[in-house]
Amino acid sequence: NTLMIQDMLADPEWADVLTDEDKRALTPLFWVHIQPYGE
């Protein structure tokens, strides 16, 4: 998740979109991209 966030922040498209408050709120503790059922 940390690598994915770093990849997203390196994209110039996001440079003007995220404020300093938005960046402070980023966390790698998410799991919405994980399949909850199955292998």
All heavy atoms as atom14 arrays in JSON, in Angstrom:
{
  "sequence": "NTLMIQDMLADPEWADVLTDEDKRALTPLFWVHIQPYGE",
  "atom14_mask": [
    [1, 1, 1, 1, 1, 1, 1, 1, 0, 0, 0, 0, 0, 0],
    [1, 1, 1, 1, 1, 1, 1, 0, 0, 0, 0, 0, 0, 0],
    [1, 1, 1, 1, 1, 1, 1, 1, 0, 0, 0, 0, 0, 0],
    [1, 1, 1, 1, 1, 1, 1, 1, 0, 0, 0, 0, 0, 0],
    [1, 1, 1, 1, 1, 1, 1, 1, 0, 0, 0, 0, 0, 0],
    [1, 1, 1, 1, 1, 1, 1, 1, 1, 0, 0, 0, 0, 0],
    [1, 1, 1, 1, 1, 1, 1, 1, 0, 0, 0, 0, 0, 0],
    [1, 1, 1, 1, 1, 1, 1, 1, 0, 0, 0, 0, 0, 0],
    [1, 1, 1, 1, 1, 1, 1, 1, 0, 0, 0, 0, 0, 0],
    [1, 1, 1, 1, 1, 0, 0, 0, 0, 0, 0, 0, 0, 0],
    [1, 1, 1, 1, 1, 1, 1, 1, 0, 0, 0, 0, 0, 0],
    [1, 1, 1, 1, 1, 1, 1, 0, 0, 0, 0, 0, 0, 0],
    [1, 1, 1, 1, 1, 1, 1, 1, 1, 0, 0, 0, 0, 0],
    [1, 1, 1, 1, 1, 1, 1, 1, 1, 1, 1, 1, 1, 1],
    [1, 1, 1, 1, 1, 0, 0, 0, 0, 0, 0, 0, 0, 0],
    [1, 1, 1, 1, 1, 1, 1, 1, 0, 0, 0, 0, 0, 0],
    [1, 1, 1, 1, 1, 1, 1, 0, 0, 0, 0, 0, 0, 0],
    [1, 1, 1, 1, 1, 1, 1, 1, 0, 0, 0, 0, 0, 0],
    [1, 1, 1, 1, 1, 1, 1, 0, 0, 0, 0, 0, 0, 0],
    [1, 1, 1, 1, 1, 1, 1, 1, 0, 0, 0, 0, 0, 0],
    [1, 1, 1, 1, 1, 1, 1, 1, 1, 0, 0, 0, 0, 0],
    [1, 1, 1, 1, 1, 1, 1, 1, 0, 0, 0, 0, 0, 0],
    [1, 1, 1, 1, 1, 1, 1, 1, 1, 0, 0, 0, 0, 0],
    [1, 1, 1, 1, 1, 1, 1, 1, 1, 1, 1, 0, 0, 0],
    [1, 1, 1, 1, 1, 0, 0, 0, 0, 0, 0, 0, 0, 0],
    [1, 1, 1, 1, 1, 1, 1, 1, 0, 0, 0, 0, 0, 0],
    [1, 1, 1, 1, 1, 1, 1, 0, 0, 0, 0, 0, 0, 0],
    [1, 1, 1, 1, 1, 1, 1, 0, 0, 0, 0, 0, 0, 0],
    [1, 1, 1, 1, 1, 1, 1, 1, 0, 0, 0, 0, 0, 0],
    [1, 1, 1, 1, 1, 1, 1, 1, 1, 1, 1, 0, 0, 0],
    [1, 1, 1, 1, 1, 1, 1, 1, 1, 1, 1, 1, 1, 1],
    [1, 1, 1, 1, 1, 1, 1, 0, 0, 0, 0, 0, 0, 0],
    [1, 1, 1, 1, 1, 1, 1, 1, 1, 1, 0, 0, 0, 0],
    [1, 1, 1, 1, 1, 1, 1, 1, 0, 0, 0, 0, 0, 0],
    [1, 1, 1, 1, 1, 1, 1, 1, 1, 0, 0, 0, 0, 0],
    [1, 1, 1, 1, 1, 1, 1, 0, 0, 0, 0, 0, 0, 0],
    [1, 1, 1, 1, 1, 1, 1, 1, 1, 1, 1, 1, 0, 0],
    [1, 1, 1, 1, 0, 0, 0, 0, 0, 0, 0, 0, 0, 0],
    [1, 1, 1, 1, 1, 1, 1, 1, 1, 0, 0, 0, 0, 0]
  ],
  "atom14_positions": [
    [[0.83, -1.21, 0.0], [0.0, 0.0, 0.0], [0.86, 1.26, 0.0], [0.56, 2.24, -0.68], [-0.94, 0.01, 1.2], [-2.05, -1.0, 1.09], [-2.26, -1.6, 0.04], [-2.76, -1.21, 2.18], [0.0, 0.0, 0.0], [0.0, 0.0, 0.0], [0.0, 0.0, 0.0], [0.0, 0.0, 0.0], [0.0, 0.0, 0.0], [0.0, 0.0, 0.0]],
    [[1.95, 1.24, 0.77], [2.86, 2.38, 0.8], [3.48, 2.61, -0.57], [3.57, 3.76, -1.03], [3.97, 2.15, 1.85], [3.36, 1.96, 3.13], [4.93, 3.32, 1.91], [0.0, 0.0, 0.0], [0.0, 0.0, 0.0], [0.0, 0.0, 0.0], [0.0, 0.0, 0.0], [0.0, 0.0, 0.0], [0.0, 0.0, 0.0], [0.0, 0.0, 0.0]],
    [[3.89, 1.55, -1.24], [4.43, 1.69, -2.59], [3.4, 2.26, -3.56], [3.72, 3.11, -4.4], [4.94, 0.35, -3.11], [6.15, -0.24, -2.4], [6.48, -1.61, -2.96], [7.35, 0.69, -2.52], [0.0, 0.0, 0.0], [0.0, 0.0, 0.0], [0.0, 0.0, 0.0], [0.0, 0.0, 0.0], [0.0, 0.0, 0.0], [0.0, 0.0, 0.0]],
    [[2.15, 1.83, -3.43], [1.1, 2.35, -4.31], [0.84, 3.84, -4.04], [0.64, 4.62, -4.97], [-0.18, 1.54, -4.16], [-0.06, 0.14, -4.69], [-1.58, -0.83, -4.82], [-2.5, -0.42, -3.37], [0.0, 0.0, 0.0], [0.0, 0.0, 0.0], [0.0, 0.0, 0.0], [0.0, 0.0, 0.0], [0.0, 0.0, 0.0], [0.0, 0.0, 0.0]],
    [[0.86, 4.24, -2.78], [0.68, 5.66, -2.44], [1.83, 6.48, -2.99], [1.63, 7.56, -3.56], [0.53, 5.84, -0.91], [-0.8, 5.27, -0.45], [0.63, 7.32, -0.53], [-0.95, 5.22, 1.06], [0.0, 0.0, 0.0], [0.0, 0.0, 0.0], [0.0, 0.0, 0.0], [0.0, 0.0, 0.0], [0.0, 0.0, 0.0], [0.0, 0.0, 0.0]],
    [[3.06, 6.0, -2.83], [4.22, 6.71, -3.37], [4.13, 6.86, -4.88], [4.43, 7.9, -5.44], [5.52, 5.99, -3.0], [5.9, 6.12, -1.56], [7.15, 5.32, -1.24], [7.62, 4.5, -2.01], [7.68, 5.54, -0.05], [0.0, 0.0, 0.0], [0.0, 0.0, 0.0], [0.0, 0.0, 0.0], [0.0, 0.0, 0.0], [0.0, 0.0, 0.0]],
    [[3.67, 5.8, -5.53], [3.51, 5.83, -6.98], [2.47, 6.87, -7.39], [2.66, 7.63, -8.34], [3.11, 4.43, -7.47], [3.27, 4.26, -8.96], [4.22, 4.86, -9.52], [2.49, 3.52, -9.56], [0.0, 0.0, 0.0], [0.0, 0.0, 0.0], [0.0, 0.0, 0.0], [0.0, 0.0, 0.0], [0.0, 0.0, 0.0], [0.0, 0.0, 0.0]],
    [[1.39, 6.93, -6.65], [0.34, 7.9, -6.94], [0.82, 9.33, -6.69], [0.57, 10.23, -7.48], [-0.89, 7.59, -6.07], [-2.11, 8.44, -6.35], [-2.35, 9.9, -5.31], [-2.09, 9.33, -3.68], [0.0, 0.0, 0.0], [0.0, 0.0, 0.0], [0.0, 0.0, 0.0], [0.0, 0.0, 0.0], [0.0, 0.0, 0.0], [0.0, 0.0, 0.0]],
    [[1.56, 9.55, -5.61], [2.06, 10.89, -5.3], [3.13, 11.36, -6.28], [3.32, 12.56, -6.47], [2.61, 10.93, -3.88], [1.56, 10.83, -2.77], [2.24, 10.77, -1.41], [0.58, 11.99, -2.84], [0.0, 0.0, 0.0], [0.0, 0.0, 0.0], [0.0, 0.0, 0.0], [0.0, 0.0, 0.0], [0.0, 0.0, 0.0], [0.0, 0.0, 0.0]],
    [[3.81, 10.43, -6.93], [4.83, 10.8, -7.91], [4.21, 11.24, -9.23], [4.88, 11.87, -10.05], [5.77, 9.62, -8.16], [0.0, 0.0, 0.0], [0.0, 0.0, 0.0], [0.0, 0.0, 0.0], [0.0, 0.0, 0.0], [0.0, 0.0, 0.0], [0.0, 0.0, 0.0], [0.0, 0.0, 0.0], [0.0, 0.0, 0.0], [0.0, 0.0, 0.0]],
    [[2.93, 10.95, -9.42], [2.23, 11.34, -10.65], [1.97, 12.84, -10.62], [1.32, 13.34, -9.7], [0.92, 10.57, -10.74], [0.21, 10.75, -12.06], [0.68, 11.56, -12.89], [-0.83, 10.08, -12.28], [0.0, 0.0, 0.0], [0.0, 0.0, 0.0], [0.0, 0.0, 0.0], [0.0, 0.0, 0.0], [0.0, 0.0, 0.0], [0.0, 0.0, 0.0]],
    [[2.46, 13.59, -11.63], [2.27, 15.04, -11.64], [0.8, 15.46, -11.64], [0.46, 16.56, -11.21], [2.95, 15.5, -12.92], [3.78, 14.36, -13.38], [3.24, 13.12, -12.76], [0.0, 0.0, 0.0], [0.0, 0.0, 0.0], [0.0, 0.0, 0.0], [0.0, 0.0, 0.0], [0.0, 0.0, 0.0], [0.0, 0.0, 0.0], [0.0, 0.0, 0.0]],
    [[-0.09, 14.59, -12.11], [-1.52, 14.9, -12.12], [-2.04, 15.18, -10.72], [-2.95, 15.99, -10.54], [-2.28, 13.7, -12.7], [-3.05, 14.0, -13.94], [-3.75, 12.77, -14.44], [-4.75, 12.34, -13.82], [-3.27, 12.22, -15.44], [0.0, 0.0, 0.0], [0.0, 0.0, 0.0], [0.0, 0.0, 0.0], [0.0, 0.0, 0.0], [0.0, 0.0, 0.0]],
    [[-1.5, 14.51, -9.74], [-1.98, 14.65, -8.37], [-1.31, 15.8, -7.63], [-1.73, 16.16, -6.53], [-1.76, 13.36, -7.58], [-2.7, 12.29, -7.99], [-2.48, 11.3, -8.9], [-4.03, 12.11, -7.52], [-3.58, 10.51, -9.02], [-4.56, 10.99, -8.18], [-4.83, 12.78, -6.61], [-5.85, 10.53, -7.96], [-6.11, 12.32, -6.38], [-6.6, 11.21, -7.05]],
    [[-0.27, 16.4, -8.2], [0.48, 17.46, -7.51], [-0.41, 18.64, -7.14], [-0.28, 19.21, -6.05], [1.65, 17.91, -8.37], [0.0, 0.0, 0.0], [0.0, 0.0, 0.0], [0.0, 0.0, 0.0], [0.0, 0.0, 0.0], [0.0, 0.0, 0.0], [0.0, 0.0, 0.0], [0.0, 0.0, 0.0], [0.0, 0.0, 0.0], [0.0, 0.0, 0.0]],
    [[-1.33, 19.02, -8.02], [-2.18, 20.18, -7.76], [-3.51, 19.8, -7.12], [-4.25, 20.66, -6.66], [-2.45, 20.94, -9.06], [-1.18, 21.51, -9.67], [-0.25, 21.83, -8.88], [-1.09, 21.6, -10.9], [0.0, 0.0, 0.0], [0.0, 0.0, 0.0], [0.0, 0.0, 0.0], [0.0, 0.0, 0.0], [0.0, 0.0, 0.0], [0.0, 0.0, 0.0]],
    [[-3.83, 18.52, -7.09], [-5.12, 18.08, -6.57], [-5.1, 17.95, -5.05], [-6.02, 18.39, -4.37], [-5.52, 16.73, -7.22], [-6.81, 16.21, -6.61], [-5.66, 16.89, -8.72], [0.0, 0.0, 0.0], [0.0, 0.0, 0.0], [0.0, 0.0, 0.0], [0.0, 0.0, 0.0], [0.0, 0.0, 0.0], [0.0, 0.0, 0.0], [0.0, 0.0, 0.0]],
    [[-4.05, 17.35, -4.52], [-3.98, 17.1, -3.07], [-3.41, 18.3, -2.33], [-2.36, 18.83, -2.7], [-3.12, 15.88, -2.78], [-3.64, 14.54, -3.3], [-2.63, 13.45, -3.03], [-4.97, 14.2, -2.69], [0.0, 0.0, 0.0], [0.0, 0.0, 0.0], [0.0, 0.0, 0.0], [0.0, 0.0, 0.0], [0.0, 0.0, 0.0], [0.0, 0.0, 0.0]],
    [[-4.1, 18.7, -1.28], [-3.59, 19.76, -0.42], [-2.67, 19.15, 0.63], [-2.57, 17.92, 0.75], [-4.75, 20.49, 0.29], [-5.38, 19.57, 1.18], [-5.76, 21.04, -0.72], [0.0, 0.0, 0.0], [0.0, 0.0, 0.0], [0.0, 0.0, 0.0], [0.0, 0.0, 0.0], [0.0, 0.0, 0.0], [0.0, 0.0, 0.0], [0.0, 0.0, 0.0]],
    [[-2.02, 19.99, 1.41], [-1.17, 19.49, 2.48], [-1.98, 18.69, 3.5], [-1.51, 17.67, 4.02], [-0.44, 20.63, 3.19], [0.66, 21.24, 2.33], [1.12, 20.54, 1.39], [1.06, 22.39, 2.61], [0.0, 0.0, 0.0], [0.0, 0.0, 0.0], [0.0, 0.0, 0.0], [0.0, 0.0, 0.0], [0.0, 0.0, 0.0], [0.0, 0.0, 0.0]],
    [[-3.22, 19.12, 3.76], [-4.08, 18.38, 4.69], [-4.42, 17.01, 4.13], [-4.46, 16.02, 4.87], [-5.37, 19.16, 4.97], [-5.15, 20.36, 5.86], [-6.45, 21.08, 6.16], [-7.54, 20.48, 5.97], [-6.38, 22.24, 6.58], [0.0, 0.0, 0.0], [0.0, 0.0, 0.0], [0.0, 0.0, 0.0], [0.0, 0.0, 0.0], [0.0, 0.0, 0.0]],
    [[-4.67, 16.95, 2.81], [-4.96, 15.66, 2.18], [-3.77, 14.72, 2.32], [-3.92, 13.54, 2.63], [-5.28, 15.83, 0.7], [-6.58, 16.58, 0.46], [-7.47, 16.5, 1.32], [-6.69, 17.23, -0.6], [0.0, 0.0, 0.0], [0.0, 0.0, 0.0], [0.0, 0.0, 0.0], [0.0, 0.0, 0.0], [0.0, 0.0, 0.0], [0.0, 0.0, 0.0]],
    [[-2.58, 15.23, 2.09], [-1.38, 14.4, 2.17], [-1.14, 13.91, 3.59], [-0.7, 12.79, 3.8], [-0.16, 15.17, 1.66], [-0.22, 15.41, 0.16], [0.95, 16.24, -0.31], [0.81, 16.55, -1.79], [1.87, 17.45, -2.25], [0.0, 0.0, 0.0], [0.0, 0.0, 0.0], [0.0, 0.0, 0.0], [0.0, 0.0, 0.0], [0.0, 0.0, 0.0]],
    [[-1.44, 14.76, 4.58], [-1.28, 14.34, 5.97], [-2.27, 13.23, 6.34], [-2.02, 12.44, 7.23], [-1.45, 15.52, 6.92], [-0.25, 16.42, 7.01], [-0.35, 17.36, 8.21], [-1.5, 18.22, 8.17], [-1.54, 19.44, 7.62], [-0.45, 19.93, 7.07], [-2.63, 20.16, 7.64], [0.0, 0.0, 0.0], [0.0, 0.0, 0.0], [0.0, 0.0, 0.0]],
    [[-3.39, 13.19, 5.66], [-4.42, 12.19, 5.98], [-4.18, 10.85, 5.29], [-4.87, 9.88, 5.59], [-5.79, 12.73, 5.58], [0.0, 0.0, 0.0], [0.0, 0.0, 0.0], [0.0, 0.0, 0.0], [0.0, 0.0, 0.0], [0.0, 0.0, 0.0], [0.0, 0.0, 0.0], [0.0, 0.0, 0.0], [0.0, 0.0, 0.0], [0.0, 0.0, 0.0]],
    [[-3.21, 10.76, 4.39], [-2.93, 9.5, 3.71], [-2.4, 8.46, 4.69], [-1.6, 8.77, 5.57], [-1.91, 9.71, 2.59], [-2.41, 10.47, 1.37], [-1.25, 10.71, 0.39], [-3.53, 9.73, 0.68], [0.0, 0.0, 0.0], [0.0, 0.0, 0.0], [0.0, 0.0, 0.0], [0.0, 0.0, 0.0], [0.0, 0.0, 0.0], [0.0, 0.0, 0.0]],
    [[-2.84, 7.24, 4.53], [-2.38, 6.15, 5.37], [-2.3, 4.87, 4.55], [-3.14, 4.66, 3.67], [-3.3, 5.94, 6.59], [-2.83, 4.83, 7.33], [-4.74, 5.7, 6.17], [0.0, 0.0, 0.0], [0.0, 0.0, 0.0], [0.0, 0.0, 0.0], [0.0, 0.0, 0.0], [0.0, 0.0, 0.0], [0.0, 0.0, 0.0], [0.0, 0.0, 0.0]],
    [[-1.31, 4.03, 4.81], [-1.24, 2.75, 4.09], [-2.1, 1.67, 4.74], [-2.04, 0.52, 4.36], [0.24, 2.4, 4.19], [0.69, 3.02, 5.45], [-0.11, 4.29, 5.59], [0.0, 0.0, 0.0], [0.0, 0.0, 0.0], [0.0, 0.0, 0.0], [0.0, 0.0, 0.0], [0.0, 0.0, 0.0], [0.0, 0.0, 0.0], [0.0, 0.0, 0.0]],
    [[-2.91, 2.04, 5.72], [-3.73, 1.06, 6.45], [-5.12, 0.95, 5.82], [-6.13, 1.25, 6.45], [-3.84, 1.45, 7.92], [-2.51, 1.6, 8.66], [-2.74, 2.09, 10.08], [-1.76, 0.29, 8.65], [0.0, 0.0, 0.0], [0.0, 0.0, 0.0], [0.0, 0.0, 0.0], [0.0, 0.0, 0.0], [0.0, 0.0, 0.0], [0.0, 0.0, 0.0]],
    [[-5.17, 0.53, 4.57], [-6.45, 0.31, 3.91], [-6.45, -1.05, 3.25], [-5.41, -1.62, 2.98], [-6.76, 1.42, 2.89], [-5.75, 1.55, 1.79], [-5.88, 0.83, 0.62], [-4.66, 2.41, 1.91], [-4.95, 0.96, -0.41], [-3.75, 2.54, 0.9], [-3.88, 1.81, -0.26], [0.0, 0.0, 0.0], [0.0, 0.0, 0.0], [0.0, 0.0, 0.0]],
    [[-7.66, -1.57, 3.01], [-7.74, -2.9, 2.44], [-8.9, -3.03, 1.45], [-9.37, -4.13, 1.17], [-7.85, -3.96, 3.53], [-8.87, -3.67, 4.58], [-8.64, -2.98, 5.75], [-10.24, -4.0, 4.59], [-9.79, -2.88, 6.47], [-10.81, -3.51, 5.77], [-11.08, -4.67, 3.71], [-12.14, -3.65, 6.11], [-12.41, -4.82, 4.04], [-12.93, -4.32, 5.22]],
    [[-9.37, -1.91, 0.88], [-10.5, -1.97, -0.04], [-10.17, -2.71, -1.33], [-11.07, -3.17, -2.03], [-11.03, -0.55, -0.37], [-11.6, 0.1, 0.86], [-9.95, 0.31, -1.0], [0.0, 0.0, 0.0], [0.0, 0.0, 0.0], [0.0, 0.0, 0.0], [0.0, 0.0, 0.0], [0.0, 0.0, 0.0], [0.0, 0.0, 0.0], [0.0, 0.0, 0.0]],
    [[-8.9, -2.87, -1.64], [-8.49, -3.57, -2.86], [-8.26, -5.06, -2.62], [-7.85, -5.78, -3.52], [-7.24, -2.92, -3.44], [-6.08, -2.91, -2.49], [-6.11, -2.24, -1.3], [-4.87, -3.49, -2.55], [-4.97, -2.4, -0.67], [-4.2, -3.16, -1.41], [0.0, 0.0, 0.0], [0.0, 0.0, 0.0], [0.0, 0.0, 0.0], [0.0, 0.0, 0.0]],
    [[-8.55, -5.54, -1.43], [-8.37, -6.94, -1.08], [-9.69, -7.68, -1.26], [-10.74, -7.19, -0.86], [-7.9, -7.07, 0.39], [-6.6, -6.32, 0.61], [-7.78, -8.52, 0.8], [-5.44, -6.86, -0.18], [0.0, 0.0, 0.0], [0.0, 0.0, 0.0], [0.0, 0.0, 0.0], [0.0, 0.0, 0.0], [0.0, 0.0, 0.0], [0.0, 0.0, 0.0]],
    [[-9.63, -8.88, -1.84], [-10.83, -9.7, -1.95], [-11.18, -10.26, -0.58], [-10.38, -11.0, 0.01], [-10.58, -10.88, -2.89], [-10.63, -10.57, -4.34], [-10.5, -11.86, -5.14], [-9.84, -12.81, -4.72], [-11.13, -11.88, -6.29], [0.0, 0.0, 0.0], [0.0, 0.0, 0.0], [0.0, 0.0, 0.0], [0.0, 0.0, 0.0], [0.0, 0.0, 0.0]],
    [[-12.34, -9.94, -0.05], [-12.67, -10.43, 1.28], [-13.01, -11.92, 1.33], [-12.94, -12.52, 2.38], [-13.86, -9.58, 1.71], [-14.46, -9.09, 0.45], [-13.35, -9.02, -0.56], [0.0, 0.0, 0.0], [0.0, 0.0, 0.0], [0.0, 0.0, 0.0], [0.0, 0.0, 0.0], [0.0, 0.0, 0.0], [0.0, 0.0, 0.0], [0.0, 0.0, 0.0]],
    [[-13.38, -12.5, 0.21], [-13.77, -13.91, 0.2], [-12.98, -14.64, -0.86], [-12.78, -14.14, -1.96], [-15.26, -14.05, -0.06], [-16.09, -13.25, 0.9], [-16.69, -12.07, 0.5], [-16.21, -13.64, 2.22], [-17.43, -11.31, 1.4], [-16.93, -12.89, 3.12], [-17.54, -11.73, 2.7], [-18.25, -10.98, 3.59], [0.0, 0.0, 0.0], [0.0, 0.0, 0.0]],
    [[-12.51, -15.82, -0.56], [-11.79, -16.61, -1.53], [-10.29, -16.55, -1.32], [-9.79, -15.87, -0.43], [0.0, 0.0, 0.0], [0.0, 0.0, 0.0], [0.0, 0.0, 0.0], [0.0, 0.0, 0.0], [0.0, 0.0, 0.0], [0.0, 0.0, 0.0], [0.0, 0.0, 0.0], [0.0, 0.0, 0.0], [0.0, 0.0, 0.0], [0.0, 0.0, 0.0]],
    [[-9.6, -17.26, -2.15], [-8.15, -17.34, -2.06], [-7.5, -16.33, -2.99], [-8.05, -16.0, -4.03], [-7.66, -18.73, -2.45], [-8.04, -19.81, -1.48], [-7.5, -21.16, -1.89], [-6.74, -21.23, -2.87], [-7.84, -22.13, -1.23], [0.0, 0.0, 0.0], [0.0, 0.0, 0.0], [0.0, 0.0, 0.0], [0.0, 0.0, 0.0], [0.0, 0.0, 0.0]]
  ]
}
